[in-house]
Amino acid sequence: MLKQRLLTALVMIAGAAYAVLALETRWLAWILGVIAVLGGYEWARLMTIASPLARVGYAAVIAAALGLCWMQLFHSAALPTFMALSCLWWLLALAWLTRPQLGAGHKFAALLLKAVAGLLTLVPAWLTLMVLHAQPSHGSHRLLFLLSLIWVADSAAYFSGKRWGRAKLAPHISPGKTRAGVYGALVAVAVYALLAADFLGVGAASRATFILLCVVTALFSVVGDLFESLFKRQSGMKDSGTLIPGHGGVLDRIDSLTAAAPIFVFGLYWLKL
C-alpha cells in the first residue's frame, strides 16, 4: 500500500509540475477545472446524495460556476473583492469546525448548507490558482511553489506527528492529526519559504512578510483538510472517493489546497508581493 501511494504521489507531482510550467493558463484552467468538477461529484457523495444523476447535476453546477467566474471575474476589477470574500469564507469554515454538528443529518437545510459550502470551497480555489498562474512575473513558479508548499507541510506534519505526536489536534473530526504535526509543518514551511524567496523574486525587505504569509497559508491548509474530514465523518466515509490509487478521491488530495490557495493569492495581492 505504501509503495503504491508513493508511486502515485510521484506521478502526480511530476504531472502537476509539467502542467504548471509548460501550459498556458487557459489550458491549465481546463485541467484544473476537470479536477474541480470531479471534486464536486465527490462532494455530492459526502453530502450522502445517493443518486449518481444528482451527483452529476451538482458537478455540473460547479462546472457552470467555474465558467461564469472565468468570463466575469478573471479580468474584472471586482477580482480582489472576490478573493477577500473567499478568505472570509475560510474564517467562517474555521468557526464551523468548532461546531462539528452543523450541517449533519439529511434534512433539506443541512444539504443546502453543505451544497453552498462545496461551491465556496471549490470555485474560489480554482479561480485564485488561475489568477496566480497568469501573473506575468513568476506566476507559474509561484503556483508551483504553492503546490510544493502544501506537499512540504503535509509531509512534515506526517513525520513530526509520527515522531512526537501525543496531543490530538481535533479528535472529534480527525483523530489522526496531532498538534506536533502542525508545529512540524509550520517550521518546515518557514524554512522552505526562506529558501525559495529569492528564486520567486521576493526582495530582502519583504522576505519576513512572505515567510509569515506562507506560515498562515499552511495553517489554513490544515483548516481545509479538517473541513473535508468533518464531512467525511458526518457521512461515515473514510475517503471521498477511489479515483486515485492509494490516496482515495480527488478531494482527499486537494482539500488542503482549497483553503490555502485563496489565502496565499490574496495575501500576495494585499501585501503587494
Protein backbone atom coordinates (compact mmCIF):
# COMPACT_ATOMS: atom_id res chain seq x y z
CA MET A 1 0.00 0.00 0.00
CA LEU A 2 2.79 2.45 0.90
CA LYS A 3 4.66 1.63 -2.32
CA GLN A 4 1.53 2.29 -4.38
CA ARG A 5 0.91 5.53 -2.51
CA LEU A 6 4.45 6.78 -3.11
CA LEU A 7 4.40 5.82 -6.78
CA THR A 8 1.08 7.57 -7.33
CA ALA A 9 2.36 10.65 -5.49
CA LEU A 10 5.47 10.83 -7.69
CA VAL A 11 3.37 10.59 -10.85
CA MET A 12 1.00 13.32 -9.63
CA ILE A 13 3.88 15.62 -8.63
CA ALA A 14 5.62 15.19 -11.98
CA GLY A 15 2.38 15.76 -13.88
CA ALA A 16 1.49 18.83 -11.85
CA ALA A 17 4.96 20.35 -12.29
CA TYR A 18 4.87 19.83 -16.05
CA ALA A 19 1.35 21.26 -16.40
CA VAL A 20 2.12 24.36 -14.32
CA LEU A 21 5.41 25.16 -16.04
CA ALA A 22 4.65 24.16 -19.63
CA LEU A 23 0.99 25.02 -20.25
CA GLU A 24 -0.68 28.34 -20.90
CA THR A 25 -3.16 29.48 -18.27
CA ARG A 26 -6.21 28.72 -20.42
CA TRP A 27 -5.17 25.08 -20.89
CA LEU A 28 -4.23 24.67 -17.24
CA ALA A 29 -7.66 26.10 -16.40
CA TRP A 30 -9.30 23.22 -18.28
CA ILE A 31 -7.23 20.59 -16.48
CA LEU A 32 -7.78 22.04 -13.02
CA GLY A 33 -11.40 22.67 -13.92
CA VAL A 34 -11.91 18.97 -14.58
CA ILE A 35 -10.31 18.22 -11.21
CA ALA A 36 -12.63 20.71 -9.50
CA VAL A 37 -15.69 19.19 -11.20
CA LEU A 38 -14.63 15.70 -10.12
CA GLY A 39 -14.23 17.17 -6.63
CA GLY A 40 -17.79 18.45 -6.93
CA TYR A 41 -19.05 14.97 -7.73
CA GLU A 42 -17.26 13.62 -4.65
CA TRP A 43 -18.61 16.50 -2.55
CA ALA A 44 -22.13 15.42 -3.50
CA ARG A 45 -21.18 11.92 -2.36
CA LEU A 46 -20.09 13.34 1.02
CA MET A 47 -23.46 15.08 1.19
CA THR A 48 -24.84 11.49 1.09
CA ILE A 49 -26.65 12.12 -2.19
CA ALA A 50 -27.32 8.57 -3.33
CA SER A 51 -28.37 9.21 -6.91
CA PRO A 52 -25.43 9.27 -9.37
CA LEU A 53 -27.51 11.52 -11.62
CA ALA A 54 -27.98 14.04 -8.80
CA ARG A 55 -24.23 13.96 -8.12
CA VAL A 56 -23.56 14.67 -11.78
CA GLY A 57 -26.04 17.54 -11.52
CA TYR A 58 -24.14 19.06 -8.62
CA ALA A 59 -20.86 18.62 -10.51
CA ALA A 60 -22.47 20.44 -13.46
CA VAL A 61 -23.33 23.34 -11.14
CA ILE A 62 -19.66 23.51 -10.14
CA ALA A 63 -18.65 23.50 -13.83
CA ALA A 64 -21.10 26.31 -14.61
CA ALA A 65 -19.77 28.37 -11.69
CA LEU A 66 -16.20 27.91 -12.93
CA GLY A 67 -17.15 29.10 -16.40
CA LEU A 68 -19.02 32.09 -15.00
CA CYS A 69 -16.06 33.10 -12.85
CA TRP A 70 -13.69 32.78 -15.82
CA MET A 71 -15.85 35.01 -18.01
CA GLN A 72 -16.95 37.58 -15.43
CA LEU A 73 -14.22 37.80 -12.80
CA PHE A 74 -10.85 36.74 -14.21
CA HIS A 75 -10.04 40.17 -15.69
CA SER A 76 -12.52 42.14 -13.59
CA ALA A 77 -11.84 44.96 -11.15
CA ALA A 78 -14.02 43.03 -8.71
CA LEU A 79 -11.48 40.20 -8.51
CA PRO A 80 -9.70 41.47 -5.34
CA THR A 81 -13.05 41.75 -3.56
CA PHE A 82 -13.94 38.23 -4.63
CA MET A 83 -10.62 36.94 -3.26
CA ALA A 84 -11.16 38.80 0.02
CA LEU A 85 -14.60 37.21 0.37
CA SER A 86 -13.03 33.81 -0.33
CA CYS A 87 -10.70 34.36 2.61
CA LEU A 88 -13.66 35.40 4.74
CA TRP A 89 -15.34 32.11 3.83
CA TRP A 90 -12.41 30.18 5.28
CA LEU A 91 -12.66 32.14 8.51
CA LEU A 92 -16.30 31.05 8.65
CA ALA A 93 -15.24 27.47 7.88
CA LEU A 94 -12.80 27.67 10.78
CA ALA A 95 -15.69 28.72 13.03
CA TRP A 96 -17.74 25.85 11.58
CA LEU A 97 -15.12 23.39 12.82
CA THR A 98 -15.89 24.47 16.39
CA ARG A 99 -19.47 23.29 15.84
CA PRO A 100 -18.97 19.90 14.17
CA GLN A 101 -22.68 19.02 14.31
CA LEU A 102 -23.56 21.91 12.00
CA GLY A 103 -24.74 20.54 8.68
CA ALA A 104 -25.11 16.98 9.97
CA GLY A 105 -28.15 14.97 9.01
CA HIS A 106 -30.20 14.62 5.83
CA LYS A 107 -32.69 17.45 6.13
CA PHE A 108 -33.00 19.90 3.26
CA ALA A 109 -31.44 22.76 5.23
CA ALA A 110 -28.36 20.66 6.03
CA LEU A 111 -27.98 19.54 2.40
CA LEU A 112 -28.36 23.10 1.15
CA LEU A 113 -25.76 24.34 3.62
CA LYS A 114 -23.28 21.69 2.51
CA ALA A 115 -24.01 22.34 -1.15
CA VAL A 116 -23.19 26.03 -0.73
CA ALA A 117 -20.07 25.08 1.23
CA GLY A 118 -18.93 22.95 -1.70
CA LEU A 119 -19.30 25.85 -4.11
CA LEU A 120 -17.41 28.20 -1.81
CA THR A 121 -14.68 25.62 -1.31
CA LEU A 122 -14.00 24.54 -4.89
CA VAL A 123 -14.74 27.52 -7.12
CA PRO A 124 -12.68 30.30 -5.46
CA ALA A 125 -9.72 27.94 -5.07
CA TRP A 126 -9.74 27.18 -8.79
CA LEU A 127 -10.04 30.85 -9.75
CA THR A 128 -7.25 32.03 -7.46
CA LEU A 129 -4.92 29.33 -8.79
CA MET A 130 -5.59 30.60 -12.30
CA VAL A 131 -5.02 34.20 -11.25
CA LEU A 132 -1.69 33.25 -9.73
CA HIS A 133 -0.56 31.29 -12.78
CA ALA A 134 -1.49 34.16 -15.13
CA GLN A 135 0.76 36.69 -13.39
CA PRO A 136 3.40 37.95 -15.86
CA SER A 137 6.21 37.84 -13.31
CA HIS A 138 6.98 34.48 -11.65
CA GLY A 139 3.34 33.35 -11.97
CA SER A 140 3.95 29.73 -12.88
CA HIS A 141 6.85 29.49 -10.43
CA ARG A 142 4.75 30.88 -7.60
CA LEU A 143 1.94 28.46 -8.37
CA LEU A 144 4.36 25.54 -8.35
CA PHE A 145 5.76 26.90 -5.09
CA LEU A 146 2.27 26.98 -3.56
CA LEU A 147 1.64 23.37 -4.57
CA SER A 148 5.01 22.27 -3.21
CA LEU A 149 4.39 24.29 -0.03
CA ILE A 150 1.35 22.13 0.65
CA TRP A 151 3.34 18.97 -0.09
CA VAL A 152 6.08 20.09 2.32
CA ALA A 153 3.52 20.93 5.01
CA ASP A 154 1.70 17.60 4.63
CA SER A 155 4.93 15.57 4.68
CA ALA A 156 6.35 17.43 7.67
CA ALA A 157 3.07 17.07 9.55
CA TYR A 158 3.04 13.33 8.91
CA PHE A 159 6.61 12.66 10.05
CA SER A 160 6.63 15.02 13.03
CA GLY A 161 3.24 13.69 14.10
CA LYS A 162 4.52 10.12 13.91
CA ARG A 163 7.63 11.01 15.91
CA TRP A 164 6.32 13.39 18.56
CA GLY A 165 2.56 13.38 18.22
CA ARG A 166 0.75 12.88 21.50
CA ALA A 167 -1.87 15.60 21.88
CA LYS A 168 -4.63 15.37 19.28
CA LEU A 169 -5.48 18.45 17.25
CA ALA A 170 -9.19 17.79 16.63
CA PRO A 171 -10.04 14.28 17.88
CA HIS A 172 -13.76 14.62 17.15
CA ILE A 173 -13.06 15.49 13.49
CA SER A 174 -9.78 13.82 12.51
CA PRO A 175 -8.30 11.59 15.22
CA GLY A 176 -5.03 11.08 13.33
CA LYS A 177 -3.94 14.73 13.34
CA THR A 178 -1.75 15.98 16.17
CA ARG A 179 -0.56 19.34 17.40
CA ALA A 180 3.03 18.24 16.97
CA GLY A 181 2.26 17.55 13.32
CA VAL A 182 1.02 21.11 12.85
CA TYR A 183 4.08 22.57 14.60
CA GLY A 184 6.39 20.47 12.44
CA ALA A 185 4.57 21.60 9.31
CA LEU A 186 4.86 25.28 10.24
CA VAL A 187 8.60 25.02 10.91
CA ALA A 188 9.20 23.18 7.64
CA VAL A 189 7.13 25.70 5.70
CA ALA A 190 9.01 28.66 7.21
CA VAL A 191 12.36 27.14 6.24
CA TYR A 192 11.13 26.25 2.76
CA ALA A 193 9.75 29.77 2.19
CA LEU A 194 13.06 31.29 3.28
CA LEU A 195 14.99 29.13 0.83
CA ALA A 196 12.59 29.80 -2.06
CA ALA A 197 12.03 33.54 -1.57
CA ASP A 198 14.92 34.75 -3.70
CA PHE A 199 14.06 32.40 -6.57
CA LEU A 200 10.48 33.70 -6.55
CA GLY A 201 11.58 37.32 -6.82
CA VAL A 202 10.76 38.30 -3.23
CA GLY A 203 13.05 41.12 -2.16
CA ALA A 204 15.00 41.14 1.09
CA ALA A 205 12.75 43.83 2.58
CA SER A 206 9.65 41.66 2.00
CA ARG A 207 11.14 38.31 2.98
CA ALA A 208 9.87 38.19 6.56
CA THR A 209 6.38 39.15 5.41
CA PHE A 210 6.46 36.48 2.72
CA ILE A 211 7.51 33.81 5.21
CA LEU A 212 4.71 34.86 7.56
CA LEU A 213 2.21 34.63 4.71
CA CYS A 214 3.43 31.10 3.92
CA VAL A 215 3.03 30.07 7.56
CA VAL A 216 -0.53 31.46 7.65
CA THR A 217 -1.23 29.67 4.36
CA ALA A 218 -0.03 26.41 5.90
CA LEU A 219 -2.29 26.97 8.91
CA PHE A 220 -5.31 27.39 6.66
CA SER A 221 -4.31 24.32 4.67
CA VAL A 222 -4.94 22.43 7.92
CA VAL A 223 -8.37 24.07 8.11
CA GLY A 224 -9.14 22.87 4.57
CA ASP A 225 -8.06 19.36 5.48
CA LEU A 226 -10.14 19.32 8.65
CA PHE A 227 -13.15 20.78 6.86
CA GLU A 228 -13.28 17.89 4.40
CA SER A 229 -12.60 15.45 7.24
CA LEU A 230 -15.66 16.84 9.03
CA PHE A 231 -17.90 15.98 6.09
CA LYS A 232 -16.35 12.54 5.74
CA ARG A 233 -17.01 11.93 9.42
CA GLN A 234 -20.62 13.11 9.11
CA SER A 235 -21.20 10.82 6.13
CA GLY A 236 -19.36 7.86 7.68
CA MET A 237 -16.85 7.64 4.82
CA LYS A 238 -13.12 7.06 5.11
CA ASP A 239 -12.25 8.61 1.73
CA SER A 240 -14.10 10.97 -0.58
CA GLY A 241 -13.67 8.52 -3.47
CA THR A 242 -11.48 5.83 -5.01
CA LEU A 243 -10.21 7.57 -8.14
CA ILE A 244 -6.56 7.92 -7.05
CA PRO A 245 -4.83 4.62 -6.17
CA GLY A 246 -3.52 4.64 -2.61
CA HIS A 247 -4.84 8.15 -1.93
CA GLY A 248 -8.62 7.92 -2.08
CA GLY A 249 -10.51 10.56 -4.02
CA VAL A 250 -9.77 13.90 -5.62
CA LEU A 251 -10.96 15.83 -2.58
CA ASP A 252 -8.58 13.86 -0.38
CA ARG A 253 -5.70 15.32 -2.41
CA ILE A 254 -6.88 18.90 -2.86
CA ASP A 255 -8.62 19.59 0.47
CA SER A 256 -5.62 21.47 1.90
CA LEU A 257 -5.15 23.44 -1.32
CA THR A 258 -8.76 24.62 -1.46
CA ALA A 259 -8.17 26.73 1.64
CA ALA A 260 -4.51 27.55 1.05
CA ALA A 261 -4.94 28.98 -2.47
CA PRO A 262 -7.28 31.92 -1.66
CA ILE A 263 -5.27 32.82 1.45
CA PHE A 264 -1.91 32.75 -0.37
CA VAL A 265 -3.02 34.60 -3.50
CA PHE A 266 -4.98 37.30 -1.69
CA GLY A 267 -2.07 37.65 0.75
CA LEU A 268 0.33 38.29 -2.14
CA TYR A 269 -2.07 40.90 -3.51
CA TRP A 270 -2.79 42.60 -0.20
CA LEU A 271 0.86 42.72 0.86
CA LYS A 272 1.88 43.91 -2.63
CA LEU A 273 4.24 40.96 -3.06
